[in-house]
Amino acid sequence: MVQWWLLLQNSIRYTDGRQEIINVPKAFSVGDVVAVTHRRDGGVVVQRVSPIQYDPIDGKITIYLGAVTSGQTLGYDVYVKRNLLGAQYVYISYLFFIPPNQSGGVNRRYTTSEDWTRYQLSTLTAGYTGEAYAQISVFGLVPGEYVRIDLIKHRGTFLNGQDFTDGSFESNAMTQSSDVNNNPTEGELHTTWKRNAGGKVRIINTDAYSGSYCCEFYG
């Protein structure tokens, strides 16, 4: 396997200047750094290795969780379903914010699809007493791909085992921020999920069981 970068949509260039024409998946863009593997059967596998440029249309949702006390730990217990084409990395970010100065969380990187699976993630220890907010983001989806989340509960000493505010999306309601970053500020206290401006995220009927909802990030 060697590293190349895209010169044109169907042309790649070696790092030593040589060029080759191959069938590059449309998920890639000119300028991306990719790794190319030539298989024995004549096929070619193309994988992105350059960082994805985060686009404002990528979805971010935020909600107020309650008052957290200094030293308490915050975490996610969440069910996730991924439908990915495998042409590039997709990132899921699970963050907490305690305005005005603290935030933290974890990021997970995927290339494969997976049916509904439970994830338990410890992410942040509160540095001071204040308002706790959650933010979930998905970056890098292309048309035809989606990530769905549902049944979010707390994991940690802060409200351990209890449902997130509207953690099952049963309100079927989502407001829109005027900000593409959608980072919470002190005093917002919004208990309805808020999506970023232009974010490709919505509430839909869940495919896990009838008569309920989930949140879908889509490409």
N, C-alpha and C. Protein backbone atom coordinates (compact mmCIF):
# COMPACT_ATOMS: atom_id res chain seq x y z
N MET A 1 0.86 -1.19 0.00
CA MET A 1 0.00 0.00 0.00
C MET A 1 0.89 1.23 0.00
N VAL A 2 0.57 2.19 -0.87
CA VAL A 2 1.34 3.42 -0.95
C VAL A 2 0.40 4.61 -0.87
N GLN A 3 0.92 5.75 -0.50
CA GLN A 3 0.11 6.95 -0.41
C GLN A 3 0.18 7.75 -1.70
N TRP A 4 -0.99 8.27 -2.11
CA TRP A 4 -1.12 9.10 -3.29
C TRP A 4 -1.92 10.33 -2.90
N TRP A 5 -2.08 11.27 -3.83
CA TRP A 5 -3.11 12.28 -3.64
C TRP A 5 -3.83 12.48 -4.96
N LEU A 6 -5.08 12.92 -4.92
CA LEU A 6 -5.87 13.07 -6.12
C LEU A 6 -5.44 14.30 -6.91
N LEU A 7 -5.15 14.08 -8.18
CA LEU A 7 -4.81 15.18 -9.08
C LEU A 7 -6.08 15.65 -9.79
N LEU A 8 -6.83 14.71 -10.35
CA LEU A 8 -8.15 14.93 -10.92
C LEU A 8 -9.07 13.89 -10.29
N GLN A 9 -10.38 13.92 -10.63
CA GLN A 9 -11.29 12.99 -9.98
C GLN A 9 -10.94 11.53 -10.28
N ASN A 10 -10.36 11.26 -11.46
CA ASN A 10 -10.01 9.89 -11.80
C ASN A 10 -8.51 9.72 -12.02
N SER A 11 -7.72 10.64 -11.48
CA SER A 11 -6.28 10.58 -11.65
C SER A 11 -5.58 10.73 -10.31
N ILE A 12 -4.59 9.89 -10.06
CA ILE A 12 -3.81 9.99 -8.83
C ILE A 12 -2.34 10.17 -9.18
N ARG A 13 -1.62 10.75 -8.24
CA ARG A 13 -0.22 11.05 -8.47
C ARG A 13 0.61 10.46 -7.34
N TYR A 14 1.69 9.74 -7.70
CA TYR A 14 2.65 9.26 -6.71
C TYR A 14 3.32 10.45 -6.04
N THR A 15 3.87 10.17 -4.87
CA THR A 15 4.65 11.21 -4.20
C THR A 15 5.94 11.53 -4.95
N ASP A 16 6.37 10.62 -5.88
CA ASP A 16 7.57 10.91 -6.67
C ASP A 16 7.23 11.57 -8.01
N GLY A 17 5.94 11.93 -8.21
CA GLY A 17 5.55 12.66 -9.40
C GLY A 17 4.87 11.85 -10.48
N ARG A 18 4.98 10.52 -10.45
CA ARG A 18 4.32 9.68 -11.45
C ARG A 18 2.81 9.75 -11.29
N GLN A 19 2.06 9.52 -12.37
CA GLN A 19 0.61 9.60 -12.35
C GLN A 19 0.00 8.30 -12.85
N GLU A 20 -1.25 8.03 -12.43
CA GLU A 20 -1.97 6.86 -12.89
C GLU A 20 -3.46 7.18 -12.91
N ILE A 21 -4.16 6.64 -13.89
CA ILE A 21 -5.61 6.80 -14.01
C ILE A 21 -6.28 5.59 -13.40
N ILE A 22 -7.18 5.80 -12.43
CA ILE A 22 -7.95 4.70 -11.84
C ILE A 22 -9.38 5.20 -11.63
N ASN A 23 -10.28 4.28 -11.34
CA ASN A 23 -11.67 4.62 -11.05
C ASN A 23 -11.78 4.99 -9.58
N VAL A 24 -11.75 6.30 -9.29
CA VAL A 24 -11.77 6.79 -7.92
C VAL A 24 -13.21 6.99 -7.48
N PRO A 25 -13.62 6.49 -6.31
CA PRO A 25 -15.00 6.71 -5.84
C PRO A 25 -15.34 8.19 -5.76
N LYS A 26 -16.59 8.54 -6.06
CA LYS A 26 -17.01 9.93 -6.06
C LYS A 26 -16.99 10.56 -4.67
N ALA A 27 -16.87 9.73 -3.62
CA ALA A 27 -16.85 10.27 -2.26
C ALA A 27 -15.60 11.11 -2.00
N PHE A 28 -14.57 10.97 -2.87
CA PHE A 28 -13.34 11.70 -2.67
C PHE A 28 -13.35 12.99 -3.47
N SER A 29 -12.51 13.92 -3.04
CA SER A 29 -12.41 15.21 -3.70
C SER A 29 -10.97 15.46 -4.15
N VAL A 30 -10.81 16.30 -5.16
CA VAL A 30 -9.48 16.66 -5.62
C VAL A 30 -8.70 17.28 -4.46
N GLY A 31 -7.49 16.81 -4.24
CA GLY A 31 -6.65 17.29 -3.15
C GLY A 31 -6.60 16.35 -1.96
N ASP A 32 -7.52 15.37 -1.90
CA ASP A 32 -7.49 14.41 -0.79
C ASP A 32 -6.24 13.55 -0.88
N VAL A 33 -5.64 13.25 0.27
CA VAL A 33 -4.56 12.28 0.34
C VAL A 33 -5.19 10.91 0.59
N VAL A 34 -4.85 9.94 -0.25
CA VAL A 34 -5.49 8.63 -0.16
C VAL A 34 -4.42 7.54 -0.15
N ALA A 35 -4.80 6.38 0.38
CA ALA A 35 -3.97 5.18 0.31
C ALA A 35 -4.60 4.23 -0.70
N VAL A 36 -3.79 3.72 -1.63
CA VAL A 36 -4.29 2.87 -2.71
C VAL A 36 -3.65 1.49 -2.60
N THR A 37 -4.50 0.46 -2.59
CA THR A 37 -4.02 -0.92 -2.57
C THR A 37 -4.45 -1.60 -3.87
N HIS A 38 -3.50 -2.12 -4.63
CA HIS A 38 -3.79 -2.87 -5.85
C HIS A 38 -3.92 -4.35 -5.49
N ARG A 39 -5.11 -4.90 -5.68
CA ARG A 39 -5.36 -6.30 -5.34
C ARG A 39 -4.87 -7.22 -6.45
N ARG A 40 -4.68 -8.50 -6.10
CA ARG A 40 -4.20 -9.47 -7.08
C ARG A 40 -5.21 -9.73 -8.18
N ASP A 41 -6.52 -9.51 -7.88
CA ASP A 41 -7.54 -9.74 -8.90
C ASP A 41 -7.71 -8.56 -9.84
N GLY A 42 -6.85 -7.55 -9.69
CA GLY A 42 -6.90 -6.39 -10.56
C GLY A 42 -7.69 -5.23 -10.01
N GLY A 43 -8.41 -5.44 -8.92
CA GLY A 43 -9.18 -4.37 -8.31
C GLY A 43 -8.30 -3.40 -7.55
N VAL A 44 -8.87 -2.25 -7.23
CA VAL A 44 -8.15 -1.20 -6.51
C VAL A 44 -9.00 -0.77 -5.32
N VAL A 45 -8.40 -0.71 -4.13
CA VAL A 45 -9.06 -0.21 -2.92
C VAL A 45 -8.49 1.16 -2.60
N VAL A 46 -9.38 2.15 -2.47
CA VAL A 46 -8.97 3.53 -2.19
C VAL A 46 -9.49 3.93 -0.81
N GLN A 47 -8.61 4.42 0.05
CA GLN A 47 -8.98 4.81 1.42
C GLN A 47 -8.42 6.19 1.72
N ARG A 48 -9.28 7.08 2.25
CA ARG A 48 -8.82 8.43 2.60
C ARG A 48 -7.91 8.37 3.82
N VAL A 49 -6.80 9.11 3.78
CA VAL A 49 -5.93 9.22 4.95
C VAL A 49 -5.76 10.67 5.39
N SER A 50 -6.17 11.62 4.55
CA SER A 50 -6.12 13.03 4.96
C SER A 50 -7.32 13.34 5.83
N PRO A 51 -7.20 14.30 6.76
CA PRO A 51 -8.34 14.65 7.62
C PRO A 51 -9.51 15.15 6.80
N ILE A 52 -10.70 14.78 7.20
CA ILE A 52 -11.90 15.29 6.56
C ILE A 52 -12.08 16.75 6.92
N GLN A 53 -12.41 17.57 5.94
CA GLN A 53 -12.70 18.97 6.22
C GLN A 53 -14.13 19.08 6.71
N TYR A 54 -14.29 19.47 7.95
CA TYR A 54 -15.62 19.54 8.53
C TYR A 54 -16.44 20.61 7.81
N ASP A 55 -17.62 20.23 7.36
CA ASP A 55 -18.48 21.11 6.60
C ASP A 55 -19.63 21.56 7.48
N PRO A 56 -20.05 22.84 7.35
CA PRO A 56 -21.17 23.29 8.18
C PRO A 56 -22.44 22.49 8.04
N ILE A 57 -22.61 21.74 6.90
CA ILE A 57 -23.83 20.96 6.75
C ILE A 57 -23.80 19.68 7.59
N ASP A 58 -22.64 19.31 8.11
CA ASP A 58 -22.58 18.15 9.00
C ASP A 58 -23.40 18.44 10.25
N GLY A 59 -24.12 17.44 10.75
CA GLY A 59 -25.08 17.66 11.82
C GLY A 59 -24.48 17.71 13.21
N LYS A 60 -25.01 18.63 14.04
CA LYS A 60 -24.67 18.73 15.45
C LYS A 60 -25.95 19.00 16.22
N ILE A 61 -26.19 18.25 17.29
CA ILE A 61 -27.36 18.50 18.13
C ILE A 61 -26.91 18.72 19.57
N THR A 62 -27.63 19.61 20.26
CA THR A 62 -27.26 20.01 21.61
C THR A 62 -28.51 20.08 22.48
N ILE A 63 -28.37 19.74 23.78
CA ILE A 63 -29.50 19.85 24.72
C ILE A 63 -28.98 20.07 26.14
N TYR A 64 -29.79 20.75 26.96
CA TYR A 64 -29.46 20.99 28.37
C TYR A 64 -29.82 19.76 29.18
N LEU A 65 -28.93 19.40 30.12
CA LEU A 65 -29.11 18.18 30.91
C LEU A 65 -29.45 18.44 32.37
N GLY A 66 -29.04 19.58 32.92
CA GLY A 66 -29.26 19.88 34.32
C GLY A 66 -28.04 20.50 34.96
N ALA A 67 -28.14 20.76 36.28
CA ALA A 67 -27.04 21.37 37.02
C ALA A 67 -26.09 20.29 37.51
N VAL A 68 -24.81 20.43 37.16
CA VAL A 68 -23.79 19.47 37.56
C VAL A 68 -22.92 20.08 38.66
N THR A 69 -22.45 19.22 39.57
CA THR A 69 -21.61 19.66 40.68
C THR A 69 -20.15 19.34 40.40
N SER A 70 -19.27 20.20 40.83
CA SER A 70 -17.84 19.99 40.64
C SER A 70 -17.43 18.59 41.09
N GLY A 71 -16.67 17.89 40.26
CA GLY A 71 -16.19 16.55 40.56
C GLY A 71 -17.06 15.43 40.03
N GLN A 72 -18.30 15.73 39.63
CA GLN A 72 -19.15 14.69 39.06
C GLN A 72 -18.66 14.30 37.67
N THR A 73 -18.87 13.05 37.30
CA THR A 73 -18.47 12.55 35.99
C THR A 73 -19.69 12.42 35.08
N LEU A 74 -19.49 12.73 33.82
CA LEU A 74 -20.55 12.67 32.82
C LEU A 74 -20.17 11.69 31.73
N GLY A 75 -21.15 10.93 31.26
CA GLY A 75 -20.88 9.97 30.20
C GLY A 75 -22.14 9.63 29.43
N TYR A 76 -21.95 8.89 28.34
CA TYR A 76 -23.03 8.49 27.46
C TYR A 76 -23.25 6.98 27.52
N ASP A 77 -24.49 6.58 27.56
CA ASP A 77 -24.92 5.20 27.32
C ASP A 77 -25.93 5.31 26.18
N VAL A 78 -25.55 4.91 24.96
CA VAL A 78 -26.32 5.27 23.79
C VAL A 78 -26.34 4.12 22.78
N TYR A 79 -27.44 4.01 22.05
CA TYR A 79 -27.56 3.03 20.97
C TYR A 79 -27.34 3.73 19.64
N VAL A 80 -26.55 3.10 18.77
CA VAL A 80 -26.16 3.70 17.51
C VAL A 80 -26.31 2.68 16.38
N LYS A 81 -26.80 3.16 15.25
CA LYS A 81 -26.84 2.35 14.01
C LYS A 81 -26.15 3.14 12.91
N ARG A 82 -25.25 2.47 12.16
CA ARG A 82 -24.52 3.12 11.08
C ARG A 82 -24.79 2.42 9.75
N ASN A 83 -25.06 3.20 8.71
CA ASN A 83 -25.14 2.70 7.34
C ASN A 83 -24.12 3.48 6.53
N LEU A 84 -22.96 2.87 6.30
CA LEU A 84 -21.83 3.55 5.66
C LEU A 84 -21.41 2.79 4.40
N LEU A 85 -20.92 3.54 3.42
CA LEU A 85 -20.49 2.94 2.16
C LEU A 85 -19.04 2.48 2.21
N GLY A 86 -18.27 2.96 3.20
CA GLY A 86 -16.91 2.49 3.40
C GLY A 86 -15.86 3.18 2.56
N ALA A 87 -16.22 4.27 1.88
CA ALA A 87 -15.25 4.96 1.02
C ALA A 87 -14.42 5.98 1.77
N GLN A 88 -14.81 6.35 2.98
CA GLN A 88 -14.09 7.36 3.75
C GLN A 88 -14.43 7.19 5.22
N TYR A 89 -13.65 7.85 6.08
CA TYR A 89 -13.92 7.80 7.50
C TYR A 89 -15.12 8.67 7.85
N VAL A 90 -15.93 8.20 8.78
CA VAL A 90 -17.02 8.97 9.37
C VAL A 90 -16.74 9.08 10.86
N TYR A 91 -16.88 10.28 11.41
CA TYR A 91 -16.56 10.54 12.80
C TYR A 91 -17.83 10.86 13.59
N ILE A 92 -17.97 10.23 14.75
CA ILE A 92 -19.05 10.55 15.69
C ILE A 92 -18.41 11.14 16.94
N SER A 93 -18.88 12.31 17.32
CA SER A 93 -18.32 13.04 18.45
C SER A 93 -19.36 13.15 19.55
N TYR A 94 -18.98 12.73 20.76
CA TYR A 94 -19.85 12.81 21.94
C TYR A 94 -19.21 13.78 22.94
N LEU A 95 -19.82 14.94 23.10
CA LEU A 95 -19.23 15.99 23.93
C LEU A 95 -20.17 16.40 25.06
N PHE A 96 -19.56 16.99 26.09
CA PHE A 96 -20.30 17.70 27.13
C PHE A 96 -19.72 19.11 27.23
N PHE A 97 -20.60 20.06 27.52
CA PHE A 97 -20.20 21.45 27.75
C PHE A 97 -20.70 21.89 29.12
N ILE A 98 -19.83 22.58 29.86
CA ILE A 98 -20.23 23.26 31.09
C ILE A 98 -19.76 24.71 30.91
N PRO A 99 -20.63 25.57 30.36
CA PRO A 99 -20.23 26.96 30.11
C PRO A 99 -19.86 27.66 31.42
N PRO A 100 -18.94 28.61 31.35
CA PRO A 100 -18.44 29.18 30.10
C PRO A 100 -17.14 28.59 29.59
N ASN A 101 -16.47 27.74 30.38
CA ASN A 101 -15.08 27.43 30.04
C ASN A 101 -14.73 25.95 29.90
N GLN A 102 -15.66 25.03 30.11
CA GLN A 102 -15.26 23.63 30.09
C GLN A 102 -16.04 22.85 29.05
N SER A 103 -15.32 22.00 28.33
CA SER A 103 -15.93 21.06 27.40
C SER A 103 -14.99 19.89 27.23
N GLY A 104 -15.53 18.78 26.82
CA GLY A 104 -14.70 17.61 26.59
C GLY A 104 -15.54 16.44 26.16
N GLY A 105 -14.88 15.43 25.61
CA GLY A 105 -15.62 14.26 25.17
C GLY A 105 -14.72 13.30 24.42
N VAL A 106 -15.36 12.46 23.61
CA VAL A 106 -14.64 11.45 22.84
C VAL A 106 -15.12 11.49 21.40
N ASN A 107 -14.23 11.07 20.50
CA ASN A 107 -14.55 10.92 19.08
C ASN A 107 -14.30 9.48 18.66
N ARG A 108 -15.18 8.97 17.83
CA ARG A 108 -15.04 7.61 17.31
C ARG A 108 -15.03 7.68 15.79
N ARG A 109 -14.18 6.85 15.16
CA ARG A 109 -14.01 6.87 13.72
C ARG A 109 -14.43 5.52 13.13
N TYR A 110 -15.21 5.56 12.04
CA TYR A 110 -15.76 4.33 11.46
C TYR A 110 -15.69 4.37 9.94
N THR A 111 -15.65 3.18 9.34
CA THR A 111 -15.80 3.03 7.89
C THR A 111 -16.84 1.97 7.54
N THR A 112 -17.35 1.24 8.51
CA THR A 112 -18.25 0.12 8.24
C THR A 112 -19.62 0.35 8.85
N SER A 113 -20.61 -0.36 8.29
CA SER A 113 -21.97 -0.30 8.81
C SER A 113 -22.11 -1.21 10.02
N GLU A 114 -23.10 -0.92 10.84
CA GLU A 114 -23.37 -1.74 12.03
C GLU A 114 -24.82 -1.52 12.45
N ASP A 115 -25.52 -2.62 12.77
CA ASP A 115 -26.89 -2.51 13.25
C ASP A 115 -26.88 -1.93 14.66
N TRP A 116 -28.07 -1.67 15.20
CA TRP A 116 -28.18 -1.04 16.52
C TRP A 116 -27.27 -1.71 17.53
N THR A 117 -26.37 -0.91 18.12
CA THR A 117 -25.38 -1.40 19.08
C THR A 117 -25.26 -0.41 20.22
N ARG A 118 -25.12 -0.94 21.43
CA ARG A 118 -25.00 -0.09 22.61
C ARG A 118 -23.55 0.32 22.83
N TYR A 119 -23.33 1.62 23.09
CA TYR A 119 -22.01 2.14 23.40
C TYR A 119 -22.07 2.84 24.76
N GLN A 120 -21.05 2.58 25.59
CA GLN A 120 -20.94 3.23 26.90
C GLN A 120 -19.64 4.02 26.92
N LEU A 121 -19.75 5.33 27.10
CA LEU A 121 -18.62 6.23 26.93
C LEU A 121 -18.50 7.17 28.11
N SER A 122 -17.37 7.14 28.80
CA SER A 122 -17.08 8.11 29.86
C SER A 122 -16.30 9.26 29.24
N THR A 123 -16.74 10.48 29.48
CA THR A 123 -16.17 11.57 28.70
C THR A 123 -15.62 12.75 29.49
N LEU A 124 -16.22 13.14 30.63
CA LEU A 124 -15.82 14.40 31.25
C LEU A 124 -16.03 14.38 32.74
N THR A 125 -15.11 15.01 33.50
CA THR A 125 -15.27 15.28 34.93
C THR A 125 -15.46 16.78 35.10
N ALA A 126 -16.55 17.15 35.76
CA ALA A 126 -16.87 18.57 35.92
C ALA A 126 -15.81 19.27 36.75
N GLY A 127 -15.27 20.37 36.23
CA GLY A 127 -14.25 21.13 36.94
C GLY A 127 -14.84 22.16 37.89
N TYR A 128 -16.12 22.43 37.76
CA TYR A 128 -16.80 23.39 38.64
C TYR A 128 -18.30 23.12 38.53
N THR A 129 -19.06 23.70 39.43
CA THR A 129 -20.52 23.55 39.42
C THR A 129 -21.11 24.48 38.37
N GLY A 130 -22.05 23.95 37.58
CA GLY A 130 -22.63 24.77 36.52
C GLY A 130 -23.68 24.00 35.73
N GLU A 131 -23.98 24.52 34.55
CA GLU A 131 -24.99 23.93 33.66
C GLU A 131 -24.34 22.92 32.73
N ALA A 132 -24.91 21.73 32.66
CA ALA A 132 -24.36 20.68 31.79
C ALA A 132 -25.18 20.57 30.51
N TYR A 133 -24.48 20.53 29.38
CA TYR A 133 -25.11 20.35 28.08
C TYR A 133 -24.43 19.19 27.35
N ALA A 134 -25.20 18.50 26.54
CA ALA A 134 -24.65 17.44 25.68
C ALA A 134 -24.64 17.93 24.24
N GLN A 135 -23.64 17.49 23.48
CA GLN A 135 -23.60 17.75 22.04
C GLN A 135 -23.11 16.51 21.32
N ILE A 136 -23.88 16.05 20.34
CA ILE A 136 -23.50 14.91 19.51
C ILE A 136 -23.37 15.41 18.07
N SER A 137 -22.28 15.04 17.42
CA SER A 137 -21.99 15.48 16.06
C SER A 137 -21.57 14.28 15.22
N VAL A 138 -21.88 14.34 13.93
CA VAL A 138 -21.43 13.32 12.98
C VAL A 138 -20.83 14.05 11.78
N PHE A 139 -19.59 13.70 11.42
CA PHE A 139 -18.87 14.37 10.35
C PHE A 139 -18.49 13.38 9.25
N GLY A 140 -18.56 13.82 8.00
CA GLY A 140 -18.00 13.05 6.90
C GLY A 140 -18.97 12.17 6.15
N LEU A 141 -20.26 12.22 6.46
CA LEU A 141 -21.22 11.40 5.74
C LEU A 141 -21.37 11.89 4.30
N VAL A 142 -21.56 10.95 3.38
CA VAL A 142 -21.82 11.28 1.98
C VAL A 142 -23.24 10.82 1.64
N PRO A 143 -23.81 11.28 0.53
CA PRO A 143 -25.17 10.87 0.17
C PRO A 143 -25.33 9.35 0.17
N GLY A 144 -26.41 8.89 0.78
CA GLY A 144 -26.67 7.46 0.89
C GLY A 144 -26.26 6.88 2.23
N GLU A 145 -25.52 7.64 3.02
CA GLU A 145 -25.08 7.17 4.34
C GLU A 145 -25.92 7.81 5.44
N TYR A 146 -25.98 7.14 6.59
CA TYR A 146 -26.62 7.74 7.76
C TYR A 146 -26.07 7.13 9.04
N VAL A 147 -26.23 7.87 10.12
CA VAL A 147 -25.97 7.40 11.48
C VAL A 147 -27.22 7.72 12.30
N ARG A 148 -27.76 6.73 13.01
CA ARG A 148 -28.95 6.93 13.85
C ARG A 148 -28.58 6.68 15.31
N ILE A 149 -29.15 7.49 16.20
CA ILE A 149 -28.91 7.34 17.62
C ILE A 149 -30.23 7.33 18.36
N ASP A 150 -30.24 6.66 19.52
CA ASP A 150 -31.48 6.55 20.28
C ASP A 150 -31.16 6.08 21.70
N LEU A 151 -32.16 6.19 22.56
CA LEU A 151 -32.12 5.64 23.92
C LEU A 151 -30.88 6.08 24.69
N ILE A 152 -30.66 7.40 24.78
CA ILE A 152 -29.47 7.92 25.43
C ILE A 152 -29.71 8.05 26.93
N LYS A 153 -28.83 7.47 27.72
CA LYS A 153 -28.87 7.55 29.18
C LYS A 153 -27.54 8.09 29.70
N HIS A 154 -27.59 8.54 30.96
CA HIS A 154 -26.37 9.02 31.62
C HIS A 154 -25.52 7.86 32.10
N ARG A 155 -24.21 8.05 32.02
CA ARG A 155 -23.25 7.08 32.54
C ARG A 155 -22.19 7.86 33.32
N GLY A 156 -22.17 7.71 34.63
CA GLY A 156 -21.26 8.47 35.48
C GLY A 156 -21.97 8.86 36.76
N THR A 157 -21.31 9.59 37.61
CA THR A 157 -21.92 9.96 38.88
C THR A 157 -22.99 11.03 38.73
N PHE A 158 -23.03 11.71 37.59
CA PHE A 158 -24.09 12.68 37.30
C PHE A 158 -25.27 11.95 36.68
N LEU A 159 -26.37 11.80 37.45
CA LEU A 159 -27.62 11.21 36.99
C LEU A 159 -27.44 9.81 36.40
N ASN A 160 -26.56 9.02 36.98
CA ASN A 160 -26.22 7.72 36.42
C ASN A 160 -27.46 6.86 36.17
N GLY A 161 -27.57 6.33 34.96
CA GLY A 161 -28.66 5.43 34.60
C GLY A 161 -29.95 6.11 34.21
N GLN A 162 -30.08 7.40 34.44
CA GLN A 162 -31.30 8.11 34.07
C GLN A 162 -31.26 8.51 32.60
N ASP A 163 -32.45 8.69 32.02
CA ASP A 163 -32.53 9.13 30.62
C ASP A 163 -31.99 10.54 30.47
N PHE A 164 -31.33 10.80 29.35
CA PHE A 164 -31.03 12.17 28.95
C PHE A 164 -32.34 12.92 28.78
N THR A 165 -32.28 14.23 28.86
CA THR A 165 -33.42 15.04 28.47
C THR A 165 -33.83 14.67 27.05
N ASP A 166 -35.06 14.18 26.88
CA ASP A 166 -35.56 13.73 25.57
C ASP A 166 -34.58 12.77 24.89
N GLY A 167 -34.00 11.88 25.69
CA GLY A 167 -32.99 10.96 25.18
C GLY A 167 -33.49 9.93 24.21
N SER A 168 -34.82 9.73 24.13
CA SER A 168 -35.41 8.82 23.15
C SER A 168 -36.10 9.56 22.01
N PHE A 169 -35.98 10.89 22.00
CA PHE A 169 -36.51 11.73 20.93
C PHE A 169 -38.03 11.61 20.78
N GLU A 170 -38.71 11.26 21.88
CA GLU A 170 -40.15 11.05 21.81
C GLU A 170 -40.92 12.36 21.66
N SER A 171 -40.29 13.49 21.91
CA SER A 171 -40.96 14.77 21.68
C SER A 171 -41.19 15.01 20.18
N ASN A 172 -40.39 14.34 19.36
CA ASN A 172 -40.42 14.54 17.90
C ASN A 172 -40.26 16.03 17.57
N ALA A 173 -39.43 16.70 18.36
CA ALA A 173 -39.24 18.14 18.18
C ALA A 173 -37.76 18.48 18.16
N MET A 174 -37.40 19.42 17.29
CA MET A 174 -36.02 19.88 17.20
C MET A 174 -36.04 21.31 16.69
N THR A 175 -35.36 22.21 17.40
CA THR A 175 -35.24 23.59 16.95
C THR A 175 -33.93 23.76 16.21
N GLN A 176 -33.76 24.91 15.56
CA GLN A 176 -32.54 25.17 14.80
C GLN A 176 -31.81 26.39 15.33
N SER A 177 -30.52 26.22 15.53
CA SER A 177 -29.66 27.32 15.94
C SER A 177 -29.34 28.20 14.73
N SER A 178 -28.98 29.44 14.99
CA SER A 178 -28.49 30.32 13.94
C SER A 178 -26.99 30.17 13.73
N ASP A 179 -26.37 29.28 14.52
CA ASP A 179 -24.92 29.10 14.54
C ASP A 179 -24.58 27.73 13.96
N VAL A 180 -23.61 27.66 13.05
CA VAL A 180 -23.22 26.38 12.47
C VAL A 180 -22.51 25.50 13.48
N ASN A 181 -21.88 26.08 14.50
CA ASN A 181 -21.18 25.29 15.51
C ASN A 181 -22.11 24.80 16.61
N ASN A 182 -23.15 25.56 16.91
CA ASN A 182 -24.18 25.13 17.86
C ASN A 182 -23.62 24.82 19.25
N ASN A 183 -22.60 25.55 19.67
CA ASN A 183 -22.05 25.34 21.01
C ASN A 183 -22.90 26.08 22.04
N PRO A 184 -23.29 25.43 23.13
CA PRO A 184 -24.18 26.06 24.11
C PRO A 184 -23.49 27.17 24.88
N THR A 185 -24.28 28.14 25.31
CA THR A 185 -23.79 29.21 26.15
C THR A 185 -24.57 29.23 27.46
N GLU A 186 -23.96 29.78 28.47
CA GLU A 186 -24.55 29.80 29.80
C GLU A 186 -25.91 30.50 29.78
N GLY A 187 -26.90 29.86 30.41
CA GLY A 187 -28.23 30.43 30.50
C GLY A 187 -29.20 29.98 29.44
N GLU A 188 -28.77 29.19 28.46
CA GLU A 188 -29.69 28.73 27.42
C GLU A 188 -30.79 27.82 28.00
N LEU A 189 -30.35 26.77 28.70
CA LEU A 189 -31.27 25.87 29.41
C LEU A 189 -32.35 25.28 28.49
N HIS A 190 -32.01 25.00 27.24
CA HIS A 190 -33.00 24.48 26.30
C HIS A 190 -33.17 22.97 26.47
N THR A 191 -34.40 22.54 26.69
CA THR A 191 -34.70 21.13 26.93
C THR A 191 -35.33 20.47 25.70
N THR A 192 -35.25 21.15 24.57
CA THR A 192 -35.57 20.56 23.27
C THR A 192 -34.28 20.49 22.47
N TRP A 193 -34.06 19.38 21.77
CA TRP A 193 -32.84 19.26 20.98
C TRP A 193 -32.74 20.41 19.99
N LYS A 194 -31.53 20.96 19.87
CA LYS A 194 -31.27 22.05 18.94
C LYS A 194 -30.21 21.60 17.94
N ARG A 195 -30.49 21.76 16.65
CA ARG A 195 -29.51 21.40 15.62
C ARG A 195 -28.80 22.64 15.11
N ASN A 196 -27.62 22.43 14.56
CA ASN A 196 -26.85 23.56 14.04
C ASN A 196 -27.47 24.08 12.75
N ALA A 197 -27.16 25.31 12.42
CA ALA A 197 -27.69 25.93 11.21
C ALA A 197 -27.26 25.15 9.98
N GLY A 198 -28.24 24.66 9.20
CA GLY A 198 -27.94 23.91 7.99
C GLY A 198 -27.54 22.47 8.24
N GLY A 199 -27.53 22.03 9.49
CA GLY A 199 -27.09 20.68 9.81
C GLY A 199 -27.99 19.61 9.23
N LYS A 200 -27.39 18.57 8.68
CA LYS A 200 -28.15 17.48 8.07
C LYS A 200 -28.46 16.43 9.14
N VAL A 201 -29.45 16.74 9.95
CA VAL A 201 -29.87 15.88 11.05
C VAL A 201 -31.35 16.11 11.29
N ARG A 202 -32.07 15.05 11.66
CA ARG A 202 -33.53 15.14 11.81
C ARG A 202 -34.01 14.03 12.73
N ILE A 203 -35.24 14.15 13.19
CA ILE A 203 -35.91 13.10 13.95
C ILE A 203 -36.80 12.32 12.99
N ILE A 204 -36.70 10.98 13.04
CA ILE A 204 -37.49 10.13 12.15
C ILE A 204 -38.12 9.00 12.96
N ASN A 205 -39.04 8.27 12.33
CA ASN A 205 -39.55 7.05 12.94
C ASN A 205 -38.44 6.02 12.99
N THR A 206 -38.23 5.41 14.14
CA THR A 206 -37.15 4.44 14.27
C THR A 206 -37.49 3.13 13.58
N ASP A 207 -36.45 2.48 13.07
CA ASP A 207 -36.62 1.16 12.48
C ASP A 207 -36.39 0.05 13.49
N ALA A 208 -36.09 0.42 14.74
CA ALA A 208 -35.82 -0.58 15.77
C ALA A 208 -37.10 -1.20 16.31
N TYR A 209 -38.13 -0.38 16.44
CA TYR A 209 -39.43 -0.87 16.91
C TYR A 209 -40.48 0.14 16.48
N SER A 210 -41.71 -0.29 16.40
CA SER A 210 -42.76 0.55 15.83
C SER A 210 -43.25 1.59 16.83
N GLY A 211 -43.75 2.69 16.29
CA GLY A 211 -44.40 3.70 17.11
C GLY A 211 -43.50 4.58 17.91
N SER A 212 -42.23 4.70 17.51
CA SER A 212 -41.31 5.53 18.27
C SER A 212 -40.37 6.25 17.31
N TYR A 213 -39.44 7.05 17.88
CA TYR A 213 -38.59 7.91 17.09
C TYR A 213 -37.11 7.69 17.42
N CYS A 214 -36.25 8.18 16.53
CA CYS A 214 -34.82 8.24 16.78
C CYS A 214 -34.28 9.46 16.05
N CYS A 215 -33.00 9.75 16.23
CA CYS A 215 -32.36 10.86 15.57
C CYS A 215 -31.48 10.32 14.44
N GLU A 216 -31.57 10.93 13.27
CA GLU A 216 -30.79 10.49 12.12
C GLU A 216 -29.92 11.62 11.59
N PHE A 217 -28.61 11.36 11.51
CA PHE A 217 -27.66 12.20 10.78
C PHE A 217 -27.51 11.59 9.40
N TYR A 218 -27.55 12.41 8.35
CA TYR A 218 -27.57 11.84 7.00
C TYR A 218 -26.66 12.62 6.07
N GLY A 219 -26.20 11.94 5.01
CA GLY A 219 -25.30 12.55 4.04
C GLY A 219 -26.04 13.19 2.88
